[in-house]
């Protein structure tokens, strides 16, 4: 199973990694690694995480206040959002309509 990011999710992920890297050298890489491990787990067990809206699932990143929002579509994990925990989850009402 492959992992694909939407344009918006990729931009959110890159921005988060860059922000953490600017805060402390190496921290952006740690966020990248933690997210990569989470995505590997999602690929192994894509239905493990609960549905939060329609077919959209949420998985939390270890050590960081981020969530990966994804769907399983056509044999792939499609990451549709990479959001900080303090962001308003209503953003999905716009993206997921």
PDB file of N, CA and C in Angstrom:
ATOM      1  N   UNK A   1       0.846  -1.174   0.000  1.00  0.00           N
ATOM      2  CA  UNK A   1       0.000   0.000   0.000  1.00  0.00           C
ATOM      3  C   UNK A   1       0.892   1.238   0.000  1.00  0.00           C
ATOM      4  N   UNK A   2       0.533   2.204  -0.822  1.00  0.00           N
ATOM      5  CA  UNK A   2       1.311   3.434  -0.936  1.00  0.00           C
ATOM      6  C   UNK A   2       0.697   4.536  -0.085  1.00  0.00           C
ATOM      7  N   UNK A   3       1.521   5.538   0.232  1.00  0.00           N
ATOM      8  CA  UNK A   3       1.065   6.727   0.939  1.00  0.00           C
ATOM      9  C   UNK A   3       1.170   7.899  -0.027  1.00  0.00           C
ATOM     10  N   UNK A   4       0.063   8.634  -0.141  1.00  0.00           N
ATOM     11  CA  UNK A   4       0.061   9.850  -0.964  1.00  0.00           C
ATOM     12  C   UNK A   4      -0.423  11.004  -0.099  1.00  0.00           C
ATOM     13  N   UNK A   5       0.165  12.164  -0.308  1.00  0.00           N
ATOM     14  CA  UNK A   5      -0.254  13.378   0.377  1.00  0.00           C
ATOM     15  C   UNK A   5      -0.994  14.271  -0.605  1.00  0.00           C
ATOM     16  N   UNK A   6      -2.066  14.898  -0.150  1.00  0.00           N
ATOM     17  CA  UNK A   6      -2.657  15.955  -0.960  1.00  0.00           C
ATOM     18  C   UNK A   6      -1.696  17.138  -0.925  1.00  0.00           C
ATOM     19  N   UNK A   7      -1.896  18.085  -1.817  1.00  0.00           N
ATOM     20  CA  UNK A   7      -1.030  19.275  -1.849  1.00  0.00           C
ATOM     21  C   UNK A   7      -1.100  20.015  -0.522  1.00  0.00           C
ATOM     22  N   UNK A   8      -2.304  20.184   0.014  1.00  0.00           N
ATOM     23  CA  UNK A   8      -2.474  20.903   1.285  1.00  0.00           C
ATOM     24  C   UNK A   8      -1.777  20.181   2.435  1.00  0.00           C
ATOM     25  N   UNK A   9      -1.937  18.878   2.510  1.00  0.00           N
ATOM     26  CA  UNK A   9      -1.324  18.103   3.592  1.00  0.00           C
ATOM     27  C   UNK A   9       0.196  18.126   3.488  1.00  0.00           C
ATOM     28  N   UNK A  10       0.726  18.026   2.288  1.00  0.00           N
ATOM     29  CA  UNK A  10       2.178  18.076   2.097  1.00  0.00           C
ATOM     30  C   UNK A  10       2.721  19.426   2.546  1.00  0.00           C
ATOM     31  N   UNK A  11       2.032  20.492   2.197  1.00  0.00           N
ATOM     32  CA  UNK A  11       2.465  21.832   2.595  1.00  0.00           C
ATOM     33  C   UNK A  11       2.441  21.992   4.119  1.00  0.00           C
ATOM     34  N   UNK A  12       1.397  21.456   4.761  1.00  0.00           N
ATOM     35  CA  UNK A  12       1.300  21.524   6.224  1.00  0.00           C
ATOM     36  C   UNK A  12       2.432  20.749   6.881  1.00  0.00           C
ATOM     37  N   UNK A  13       2.735  19.580   6.349  1.00  0.00           N
ATOM     38  CA  UNK A  13       3.788  18.738   6.913  1.00  0.00           C
ATOM     39  C   UNK A  13       5.157  19.402   6.759  1.00  0.00           C
ATOM     40  N   UNK A  14       5.454  19.901   5.582  1.00  0.00           N
ATOM     41  CA  UNK A  14       6.739  20.571   5.347  1.00  0.00           C
ATOM     42  C   UNK A  14       6.874  21.794   6.244  1.00  0.00           C
ATOM     43  N   UNK A  15       5.818  22.592   6.342  1.00  0.00           N
ATOM     44  CA  UNK A  15       5.858  23.795   7.178  1.00  0.00           C
ATOM     45  C   UNK A  15       6.111  23.445   8.643  1.00  0.00           C
ATOM     46  N   UNK A  16       5.471  22.389   9.130  1.00  0.00           N
ATOM     47  CA  UNK A  16       5.659  21.980  10.524  1.00  0.00           C
ATOM     48  C   UNK A  16       7.099  21.527  10.766  1.00  0.00           C
ATOM     49  N   UNK A  17       7.630  20.724   9.869  1.00  0.00           N
ATOM     50  CA  UNK A  17       9.017  20.258  10.015  1.00  0.00           C
ATOM     51  C   UNK A  17       9.985  21.429   9.981  1.00  0.00           C
ATOM     52  N   UNK A  18       9.747  22.373   9.086  1.00  0.00           N
ATOM     53  CA  UNK A  18      10.627  23.548   9.005  1.00  0.00           C
ATOM     54  C   UNK A  18      10.539  24.393  10.264  1.00  0.00           C
ATOM     55  N   UNK A  19       9.346  24.572  10.795  1.00  0.00           N
ATOM     56  CA  UNK A  19       9.178  25.375  12.004  1.00  0.00           C
ATOM     57  C   UNK A  19       9.939  24.754  13.169  1.00  0.00           C
ATOM     58  N   UNK A  20       9.767  23.442  13.363  1.00  0.00           N
ATOM     59  CA  UNK A  20      10.465  22.769  14.463  1.00  0.00           C
ATOM     60  C   UNK A  20      11.972  22.806  14.265  1.00  0.00           C
ATOM     61  N   UNK A  21      12.428  22.702  13.044  1.00  0.00           N
ATOM     62  CA  UNK A  21      13.866  22.749  12.773  1.00  0.00           C
ATOM     63  C   UNK A  21      14.429  24.126  13.113  1.00  0.00           C
ATOM     64  N   UNK A  22      13.665  25.175  12.864  1.00  0.00           N
ATOM     65  CA  UNK A  22      14.114  26.528  13.207  1.00  0.00           C
ATOM     66  C   UNK A  22      14.139  26.736  14.714  1.00  0.00           C
ATOM     67  N   UNK A  23      13.234  26.072  15.410  1.00  0.00           N
ATOM     68  CA  UNK A  23      13.194  26.195  16.866  1.00  0.00           C
ATOM     69  C   UNK A  23      14.393  25.522  17.520  1.00  0.00           C
ATOM     70  N   UNK A  24      14.748  24.348  17.009  1.00  0.00           N
ATOM     71  CA  UNK A  24      15.918  23.626  17.534  1.00  0.00           C
ATOM     72  C   UNK A  24      16.427  22.682  16.464  1.00  0.00           C
ATOM     73  N   UNK A  25      17.694  22.777  16.166  1.00  0.00           N
ATOM     74  CA  UNK A  25      18.293  21.930  15.140  1.00  0.00           C
ATOM     75  C   UNK A  25      18.053  20.452  15.473  1.00  0.00           C
ATOM     76  N   UNK A  26      17.553  19.740  14.496  1.00  0.00           N
ATOM     77  CA  UNK A  26      17.281  18.316  14.650  1.00  0.00           C
ATOM     78  C   UNK A  26      15.846  17.993  15.015  1.00  0.00           C
ATOM     79  N   UNK A  27      15.121  18.978  15.539  1.00  0.00           N
ATOM     80  CA  UNK A  27      13.754  18.711  15.982  1.00  0.00           C
ATOM     81  C   UNK A  27      12.816  18.493  14.794  1.00  0.00           C
ATOM     82  N   UNK A  28      13.053  19.199  13.705  1.00  0.00           N
ATOM     83  CA  UNK A  28      12.249  18.974  12.505  1.00  0.00           C
ATOM     84  C   UNK A  28      12.435  17.564  11.977  1.00  0.00           C
ATOM     85  N   UNK A  29      13.664  17.069  12.040  1.00  0.00           N
ATOM     86  CA  UNK A  29      13.938  15.692  11.630  1.00  0.00           C
ATOM     87  C   UNK A  29      13.257  14.691  12.535  1.00  0.00           C
ATOM     88  N   UNK A  30      13.165  15.016  13.819  1.00  0.00           N
ATOM     89  CA  UNK A  30      12.479  14.121  14.753  1.00  0.00           C
ATOM     90  C   UNK A  30      10.979  14.060  14.450  1.00  0.00           C
ATOM     91  N   UNK A  31      10.396  15.212  14.095  1.00  0.00           N
ATOM     92  CA  UNK A  31       8.988  15.216  13.699  1.00  0.00           C
ATOM     93  C   UNK A  31       8.807  14.391  12.428  1.00  0.00           C
ATOM     94  N   UNK A  32       9.707  14.557  11.475  1.00  0.00           N
ATOM     95  CA  UNK A  32       9.649  13.788  10.235  1.00  0.00           C
ATOM     96  C   UNK A  32       9.711  12.289  10.534  1.00  0.00           C
ATOM     97  N   UNK A  33      10.664  11.891  11.395  1.00  0.00           N
ATOM     98  CA  UNK A  33      10.821  10.467  11.728  1.00  0.00           C
ATOM     99  C   UNK A  33       9.606   9.912  12.462  1.00  0.00           C
ATOM    100  N   UNK A  34       9.073  10.687  13.415  1.00  0.00           N
ATOM    101  CA  UNK A  34       7.896  10.224  14.170  1.00  0.00           C
ATOM    102  C   UNK A  34       6.695  10.056  13.237  1.00  0.00           C
ATOM    103  N   UNK A  35       6.557  10.980  12.301  1.00  0.00           N
ATOM    104  CA  UNK A  35       5.444  10.890  11.349  1.00  0.00           C
ATOM    105  C   UNK A  35       5.647   9.721  10.399  1.00  0.00           C
ATOM    106  N   UNK A  36       6.879   9.499   9.979  1.00  0.00           N
ATOM    107  CA  UNK A  36       7.178   8.364   9.092  1.00  0.00           C
ATOM    108  C   UNK A  36       6.840   7.041   9.767  1.00  0.00           C
ATOM    109  N   UNK A  37       7.193   6.913  11.050  1.00  0.00           N
ATOM    110  CA  UNK A  37       6.863   5.685  11.789  1.00  0.00           C
ATOM    111  C   UNK A  37       5.347   5.507  11.885  1.00  0.00           C
ATOM    112  N   UNK A  38       4.639   6.604  12.141  1.00  0.00           N
ATOM    113  CA  UNK A  38       3.181   6.531  12.218  1.00  0.00           C
ATOM    114  C   UNK A  38       2.607   6.085  10.879  1.00  0.00           C
ATOM    115  N   UNK A  39       3.099   6.652   9.785  1.00  0.00           N
ATOM    116  CA  UNK A  39       2.604   6.284   8.464  1.00  0.00           C
ATOM    117  C   UNK A  39       2.896   4.823   8.133  1.00  0.00           C
ATOM    118  N   UNK A  40       4.055   4.317   8.573  1.00  0.00           N
ATOM    119  CA  UNK A  40       4.359   2.894   8.376  1.00  0.00           C
ATOM    120  C   UNK A  40       3.331   2.034   9.094  1.00  0.00           C
ATOM    121  N   UNK A  41       2.953   2.431  10.307  1.00  0.00           N
ATOM    122  CA  UNK A  41       1.937   1.701  11.055  1.00  0.00           C
ATOM    123  C   UNK A  41       0.569   1.773  10.395  1.00  0.00           C
ATOM    124  N   UNK A  42       0.264   2.937   9.830  1.00  0.00           N
ATOM    125  CA  UNK A  42      -1.013   3.090   9.131  1.00  0.00           C
ATOM    126  C   UNK A  42      -1.048   2.177   7.910  1.00  0.00           C
ATOM    127  N   UNK A  43       0.051   2.104   7.185  1.00  0.00           N
ATOM    128  CA  UNK A  43       0.113   1.231   5.998  1.00  0.00           C
ATOM    129  C   UNK A  43      -0.092  -0.224   6.401  1.00  0.00           C
ATOM    130  N   UNK A  44       0.500  -0.635   7.529  1.00  0.00           N
ATOM    131  CA  UNK A  44       0.352  -2.016   7.986  1.00  0.00           C
ATOM    132  C   UNK A  44      -1.075  -2.324   8.439  1.00  0.00           C
ATOM    133  N   UNK A  45      -1.726  -1.356   9.083  1.00  0.00           N
ATOM    134  CA  UNK A  45      -3.081  -1.544   9.623  1.00  0.00           C
ATOM    135  C   UNK A  45      -3.904  -0.285   9.329  1.00  0.00           C
ATOM    136  N   UNK A  46      -4.301  -0.083   8.097  1.00  0.00           N
ATOM    137  CA  UNK A  46      -4.950   1.178   7.720  1.00  0.00           C
ATOM    138  C   UNK A  46      -6.301   1.446   8.384  1.00  0.00           C
ATOM    139  N   UNK A  47      -6.965   0.432   8.866  1.00  0.00           N
ATOM    140  CA  UNK A  47      -8.277   0.634   9.486  1.00  0.00           C
ATOM    141  C   UNK A  47      -8.205   0.727  11.007  1.00  0.00           C
ATOM    142  N   UNK A  48      -7.009   0.765  11.548  1.00  0.00           N
ATOM    143  CA  UNK A  48      -6.799   0.768  12.995  1.00  0.00           C
ATOM    144  C   UNK A  48      -7.369   2.020  13.670  1.00  0.00           C
ATOM    145  N   UNK A  49      -7.239   3.152  13.033  1.00  0.00           N
ATOM    146  CA  UNK A  49      -7.642   4.410  13.652  1.00  0.00           C
ATOM    147  C   UNK A  49      -9.091   4.725  13.336  1.00  0.00           C
ATOM    148  N   UNK A  50      -9.741   5.378  14.270  1.00  0.00           N
ATOM    149  CA  UNK A  50     -11.182   5.584  14.144  1.00  0.00           C
ATOM    150  C   UNK A  50     -11.521   6.652  13.113  1.00  0.00           C
ATOM    151  N   UNK A  51     -12.695   6.517  12.577  1.00  0.00           N
ATOM    152  CA  UNK A  51     -13.222   7.488  11.634  1.00  0.00           C
ATOM    153  C   UNK A  51     -13.722   8.691  12.434  1.00  0.00           C
ATOM    154  N   UNK A  52     -13.302   9.890  12.010  1.00  0.00           N
ATOM    155  CA  UNK A  52     -13.730  11.110  12.693  1.00  0.00           C
ATOM    156  C   UNK A  52     -14.779  11.874  11.895  1.00  0.00           C
ATOM    157  N   UNK A  53     -14.857  11.614  10.606  1.00  0.00           N
ATOM    158  CA  UNK A  53     -15.872  12.246   9.757  1.00  0.00           C
ATOM    159  C   UNK A  53     -15.918  11.490   8.449  1.00  0.00           C
ATOM    160  N   UNK A  54     -17.102  11.027   8.105  1.00  0.00           N
ATOM    161  CA  UNK A  54     -17.280  10.210   6.905  1.00  0.00           C
ATOM    162  C   UNK A  54     -16.219   9.114   6.896  1.00  0.00           C
ATOM    163  N   UNK A  55     -15.385   9.030   5.877  1.00  0.00           N
ATOM    164  CA  UNK A  55     -14.356   7.985   5.834  1.00  0.00           C
ATOM    165  C   UNK A  55     -12.986   8.509   6.269  1.00  0.00           C
ATOM    166  N   UNK A  56     -12.946   9.701   6.827  1.00  0.00           N
ATOM    167  CA  UNK A  56     -11.699  10.333   7.252  1.00  0.00           C
ATOM    168  C   UNK A  56     -11.273   9.806   8.613  1.00  0.00           C
ATOM    169  N   UNK A  57     -10.036   9.358   8.712  1.00  0.00           N
ATOM    170  CA  UNK A  57      -9.505   8.808   9.960  1.00  0.00           C
ATOM    171  C   UNK A  57      -8.438   9.731  10.522  1.00  0.00           C
ATOM    172  N   UNK A  58      -8.219   9.639  11.840  1.00  0.00           N
ATOM    173  CA  UNK A  58      -7.212  10.469  12.497  1.00  0.00           C
ATOM    174  C   UNK A  58      -6.271   9.602  13.305  1.00  0.00           C
ATOM    175  N   UNK A  59      -4.966   9.867  13.122  1.00  0.00           N
ATOM    176  CA  UNK A  59      -3.927   9.185  13.901  1.00  0.00           C
ATOM    177  C   UNK A  59      -3.028  10.262  14.499  1.00  0.00           C
ATOM    178  N   UNK A  60      -2.651  10.086  15.762  1.00  0.00           N
ATOM    179  CA  UNK A  60      -1.841  11.084  16.458  1.00  0.00           C
ATOM    180  C   UNK A  60      -0.358  10.745  16.361  1.00  0.00           C
ATOM    181  N   UNK A  61       0.449  11.781  16.147  1.00  0.00           N
ATOM    182  CA  UNK A  61       1.897  11.635  16.047  1.00  0.00           C
ATOM    183  C   UNK A  61       2.462  11.578  17.467  1.00  0.00           C
ATOM    184  N   UNK A  62       3.318  10.616  17.736  1.00  0.00           N
ATOM    185  CA  UNK A  62       3.961  10.465  19.044  1.00  0.00           C
ATOM    186  C   UNK A  62       4.920  11.627  19.290  1.00  0.00           C
ATOM    187  N   UNK A  63       4.889  12.176  20.520  1.00  0.00           N
ATOM    188  CA  UNK A  63       5.785  13.244  20.985  1.00  0.00           C
ATOM    189  C   UNK A  63       5.489  14.625  20.434  1.00  0.00           C
ATOM    190  N   UNK A  64       4.633  14.733  19.460  1.00  0.00           N
ATOM    191  CA  UNK A  64       4.338  16.022  18.852  1.00  0.00           C
ATOM    192  C   UNK A  64       2.823  16.228  18.826  1.00  0.00           C
ATOM    193  N   UNK A  65       2.383  17.487  18.941  1.00  0.00           N
ATOM    194  CA  UNK A  65       0.936  17.738  18.995  1.00  0.00           C
ATOM    195  C   UNK A  65       0.296  17.818  17.605  1.00  0.00           C
ATOM    196  N   UNK A  66       0.530  16.798  16.793  1.00  0.00           N
ATOM    197  CA  UNK A  66       0.001  16.775  15.434  1.00  0.00           C
ATOM    198  C   UNK A  66      -0.837  15.531  15.199  1.00  0.00           C
ATOM    199  N   UNK A  67      -1.757  15.675  14.273  1.00  0.00           N
ATOM    200  CA  UNK A  67      -2.590  14.552  13.857  1.00  0.00           C
ATOM    201  C   UNK A  67      -2.510  14.418  12.345  1.00  0.00           C
ATOM    202  N   UNK A  68      -2.488  13.171  11.905  1.00  0.00           N
ATOM    203  CA  UNK A  68      -2.538  12.852  10.475  1.00  0.00           C
ATOM    204  C   UNK A  68      -3.976  12.460  10.168  1.00  0.00           C
ATOM    205  N   UNK A  69      -4.575  13.172   9.239  1.00  0.00           N
ATOM    206  CA  UNK A  69      -5.928  12.860   8.788  1.00  0.00           C
ATOM    207  C   UNK A  69      -5.814  12.189   7.425  1.00  0.00           C
ATOM    208  N   UNK A  70      -6.400  11.011   7.311  1.00  0.00           N
ATOM    209  CA  UNK A  70      -6.220  10.237   6.083  1.00  0.00           C
ATOM    210  C   UNK A  70      -7.453   9.424   5.743  1.00  0.00           C
ATOM    211  N   UNK A  71      -7.470   8.970   4.504  1.00  0.00           N
ATOM    212  CA  UNK A  71      -8.482   8.041   4.011  1.00  0.00           C
ATOM    213  C   UNK A  71      -7.765   6.881   3.335  1.00  0.00           C
ATOM    214  N   UNK A  72      -8.437   5.753   3.277  1.00  0.00           N
ATOM    215  CA  UNK A  72      -7.944   4.616   2.512  1.00  0.00           C
ATOM    216  C   UNK A  72      -8.762   4.598   1.224  1.00  0.00           C
ATOM    217  N   UNK A  73      -8.081   4.875   0.112  1.00  0.00           N
ATOM    218  CA  UNK A  73      -8.754   4.974  -1.187  1.00  0.00           C
ATOM    219  C   UNK A  73      -7.982   4.199  -2.241  1.00  0.00           C
ATOM    220  N   UNK A  74      -8.659   3.343  -2.948  1.00  0.00           N
ATOM    221  CA  UNK A  74      -8.058   2.618  -4.073  1.00  0.00           C
ATOM    222  C   UNK A  74      -6.717   1.971  -3.701  1.00  0.00           C
ATOM    223  N   UNK A  75      -6.661   1.338  -2.547  1.00  0.00           N
ATOM    224  CA  UNK A  75      -5.457   0.638  -2.139  1.00  0.00           C
ATOM    225  C   UNK A  75      -4.311   1.538  -1.713  1.00  0.00           C
ATOM    226  N   UNK A  76      -4.616   2.786  -1.388  1.00  0.00           N
ATOM    227  CA  UNK A  76      -3.580   3.717  -0.950  1.00  0.00           C
ATOM    228  C   UNK A  76      -4.057   4.471   0.288  1.00  0.00           C
ATOM    229  N   UNK A  77      -3.101   4.923   1.075  1.00  0.00           N
ATOM    230  CA  UNK A  77      -3.382   5.809   2.195  1.00  0.00           C
ATOM    231  C   UNK A  77      -3.204   7.224   1.661  1.00  0.00           C
ATOM    232  N   UNK A  78      -4.270   7.998   1.687  1.00  0.00           N
ATOM    233  CA  UNK A  78      -4.222   9.372   1.179  1.00  0.00           C
ATOM    234  C   UNK A  78      -4.287  10.312   2.380  1.00  0.00           C
ATOM    235  N   UNK A  79      -3.170  10.982   2.652  1.00  0.00           N
ATOM    236  CA  UNK A  79      -3.096  11.933   3.762  1.00  0.00           C
ATOM    237  C   UNK A  79      -3.712  13.239   3.286  1.00  0.00           C
ATOM    238  N   UNK A  80      -4.774  13.636   3.954  1.00  0.00           N
ATOM    239  CA  UNK A  80      -5.493  14.835   3.550  1.00  0.00           C
ATOM    240  C   UNK A  80      -5.231  16.013   4.460  1.00  0.00           C
ATOM    241  N   UNK A  81      -4.608  15.765   5.597  1.00  0.00           N
ATOM    242  CA  UNK A  81      -4.289  16.863   6.501  1.00  0.00           C
ATOM    243  C   UNK A  81      -3.238  16.465   7.503  1.00  0.00           C
ATOM    244  N   UNK A  82      -2.428  17.437   7.887  1.00  0.00           N
ATOM    245  CA  UNK A  82      -1.426  17.275   8.931  1.00  0.00           C
ATOM    246  C   UNK A  82      -1.587  18.508   9.809  1.00  0.00           C
ATOM    247  N   UNK A  83      -2.382  18.353  10.874  1.00  0.00           N
ATOM    248  CA  UNK A  83      -2.796  19.520  11.644  1.00  0.00           C
ATOM    249  C   UNK A  83      -2.295  19.501  13.076  1.00  0.00           C
ATOM    250  N   UNK A  84      -1.918  20.678  13.541  1.00  0.00           N
ATOM    251  CA  UNK A  84      -1.543  20.871  14.939  1.00  0.00           C
ATOM    252  C   UNK A  84      -2.792  20.698  15.791  1.00  0.00           C
ATOM    253  N   UNK A  85      -2.636  20.147  16.967  1.00  0.00           N
ATOM    254  CA  UNK A  85      -3.766  19.874  17.846  1.00  0.00           C
ATOM    255  C   UNK A  85      -4.540  21.097  18.274  1.00  0.00           C
ATOM    256  N   UNK A  86      -3.931  22.283  18.213  1.00  0.00           N
ATOM    257  CA  UNK A  86      -4.643  23.488  18.628  1.00  0.00           C
ATOM    258  C   UNK A  86      -5.461  24.107  17.497  1.00  0.00           C
ATOM    259  N   UNK A  87      -5.325  23.572  16.285  1.00  0.00           N
ATOM    260  CA  UNK A  87      -6.107  24.108  15.169  1.00  0.00           C
ATOM    261  C   UNK A  87      -7.545  23.630  15.257  1.00  0.00           C
ATOM    262  N   UNK A  88      -8.429  24.429  14.780  1.00  0.00           N
ATOM    263  CA  UNK A  88      -9.858  24.132  14.826  1.00  0.00           C
ATOM    264  C   UNK A  88     -10.175  22.960  13.897  1.00  0.00           C
ATOM    265  N   UNK A  89     -10.688  21.852  14.427  1.00  0.00           N
ATOM    266  CA  UNK A  89     -11.003  20.711  13.572  1.00  0.00           C
ATOM    267  C   UNK A  89     -12.117  20.997  12.575  1.00  0.00           C
ATOM    268  N   UNK A  90     -12.797  22.116  12.714  1.00  0.00           N
ATOM    269  CA  UNK A  90     -13.843  22.475  11.756  1.00  0.00           C
ATOM    270  C   UNK A  90     -13.265  22.740  10.371  1.00  0.00           C
ATOM    271  N   UNK A  91     -11.937  22.834  10.267  1.00  0.00           N
ATOM    272  CA  UNK A  91     -11.304  23.006   8.956  1.00  0.00           C
ATOM    273  C   UNK A  91     -11.734  21.875   8.024  1.00  0.00           C
ATOM    274  N   UNK A  92     -12.061  20.710   8.602  1.00  0.00           N
ATOM    275  CA  UNK A  92     -12.478  19.573   7.772  1.00  0.00           C
ATOM    276  C   UNK A  92     -13.855  19.777   7.171  1.00  0.00           C
ATOM    277  N   UNK A  93     -14.649  20.644   7.762  1.00  0.00           N
ATOM    278  CA  UNK A  93     -15.958  20.911   7.172  1.00  0.00           C
ATOM    279  C   UNK A  93     -15.789  21.599   5.826  1.00  0.00           C
ATOM    280  N   UNK A  94     -14.685  22.298   5.633  1.00  0.00           N
ATOM    281  CA  UNK A  94     -14.392  22.942   4.361  1.00  0.00           C
ATOM    282  C   UNK A  94     -13.769  21.931   3.407  1.00  0.00           C
ATOM    283  N   UNK A  95     -12.748  21.211   3.862  1.00  0.00           N
ATOM    284  CA  UNK A  95     -12.040  20.261   3.005  1.00  0.00           C
ATOM    285  C   UNK A  95     -12.850  19.024   2.697  1.00  0.00           C
ATOM    286  N   UNK A  96     -13.676  18.599   3.618  1.00  0.00           N
ATOM    287  CA  UNK A  96     -14.367  17.320   3.511  1.00  0.00           C
ATOM    288  C   UNK A  96     -15.851  17.513   3.174  1.00  0.00           C
ATOM    289  N   UNK A  97     -16.150  18.421   2.328  1.00  0.00           N
ATOM    290  CA  UNK A  97     -17.566  18.634   2.014  1.00  0.00           C
ATOM    291  C   UNK A  97     -17.953  17.996   0.708  1.00  0.00           C
TER     292      UNK A  97
END
